[in-house]
Protein backbone atom coordinates (compact mmCIF):
# COMPACT_ATOMS: atom_id res chain seq x y z
CA UNK A 1 -6.74 -4.72 8.99
CA UNK A 2 -7.09 -1.24 10.35
CA UNK A 3 -3.43 -0.30 9.97
CA UNK A 4 -2.53 1.62 6.80
CA UNK A 5 -0.04 -1.06 5.74
CA UNK A 6 -2.74 -3.69 6.20
CA UNK A 7 -4.98 -1.84 3.75
CA UNK A 8 -2.13 -1.54 1.25
CA UNK A 9 -1.39 -5.26 1.61
CA UNK A 10 -5.02 -6.17 1.01
CA UNK A 11 -5.49 -3.77 -1.93
CA UNK A 12 -2.34 -4.87 -3.74
CA UNK A 13 -2.30 -8.60 -3.10
CA UNK A 14 -5.93 -9.54 -3.58
CA UNK A 15 -5.85 -8.17 -7.13
CA UNK A 16 -4.23 -11.41 -8.27
CA UNK A 17 -4.74 -14.04 -5.57
CA UNK A 18 -6.09 -14.91 -2.16
CA UNK A 19 -4.33 -12.97 0.60
CA UNK A 20 -1.35 -14.95 1.89
CA UNK A 21 -0.93 -15.70 5.57
CA UNK A 22 1.84 -13.38 6.84
CA UNK A 23 3.30 -16.36 8.69
CA UNK A 24 3.88 -18.16 5.41
CA UNK A 25 7.37 -16.62 5.33
CA UNK A 26 9.88 -15.22 7.80
CA UNK A 27 10.57 -11.49 8.15
CA UNK A 28 13.80 -11.99 6.19
CA UNK A 29 11.94 -13.73 3.31
CA UNK A 30 9.01 -11.34 2.82
CA UNK A 31 10.82 -8.41 1.12
CA UNK A 32 12.02 -10.72 -1.69
CA UNK A 33 8.52 -12.19 -2.09
CA UNK A 34 6.99 -8.70 -2.27
CA UNK A 35 9.63 -7.60 -4.80
CA UNK A 36 8.81 -10.64 -6.96
CA UNK A 37 5.09 -9.85 -6.80
CA UNK A 38 5.78 -6.22 -7.69
CA UNK A 39 7.65 -7.38 -10.81
CA UNK A 40 4.73 -9.69 -11.67
CA UNK A 41 2.31 -6.77 -11.40
CA UNK A 42 4.53 -4.60 -13.63
CA UNK A 43 4.75 -7.40 -16.20
CA UNK A 44 0.99 -7.97 -16.16
CA UNK A 45 0.32 -4.26 -16.70
CA UNK A 46 2.65 -4.21 -19.72
CA UNK A 47 1.08 -7.34 -21.22
CA UNK A 48 -2.48 -6.16 -20.74
CA UNK A 49 -1.52 -2.68 -21.87
CA UNK A 50 -3.57 -0.93 -19.26
CA UNK A 51 -2.72 2.61 -18.33
CA UNK A 52 -3.23 3.74 -14.77
CA UNK A 53 -5.80 6.44 -14.08
CA UNK A 54 -4.21 9.48 -12.39
CA UNK A 55 -6.29 8.98 -9.23
CA UNK A 56 -5.40 5.29 -8.86
CA UNK A 57 -3.67 4.52 -5.55
CA UNK A 58 0.04 3.86 -5.81
CA UNK A 59 1.54 0.56 -4.70
CA UNK A 60 2.94 1.14 -1.20
CA UNK A 61 5.67 -1.49 -1.05
CA UNK A 62 7.20 -0.12 2.16
CA UNK A 63 3.86 -0.35 3.97
CA UNK A 64 3.22 -3.85 2.67
CA UNK A 65 6.67 -5.02 3.78
CA UNK A 66 6.19 -3.41 7.21
CA UNK A 67 2.86 -5.20 7.64
CA UNK A 68 4.23 -8.60 6.60
CA UNK A 69 7.53 -8.38 8.48
CA UNK A 70 5.70 -7.42 11.69
CA UNK A 71 3.45 -10.50 11.39
CA UNK A 72 5.95 -12.92 9.83
CA UNK A 73 6.76 -16.42 11.02
CA UNK A 74 9.49 -16.44 13.62
CA UNK A 75 12.69 -18.20 12.77
C-alpha cells in the first residue's frame, strides 16, 4: 500500500480489526461503511476518555474512501 490513501486506510482500520478486503463492498457501499466506522471510532474515544495528542495523525476519510472505491467490488 504505497498510495497515501492506502496508508490512511491501514492506519485507521487496523486499530480495531483486521483490514477488510476492498472487494467486500461495492464503490457505492463503501462511503456508508466508512462513515459508520468513523462514528464507531468517535464513540470509542468518548467512552475510553482518551484525548488525542496534538501530533497524532488525523483520520483522512476522503483518502480512505478513495482507496476503497477504487478497489471495490464491481456491480
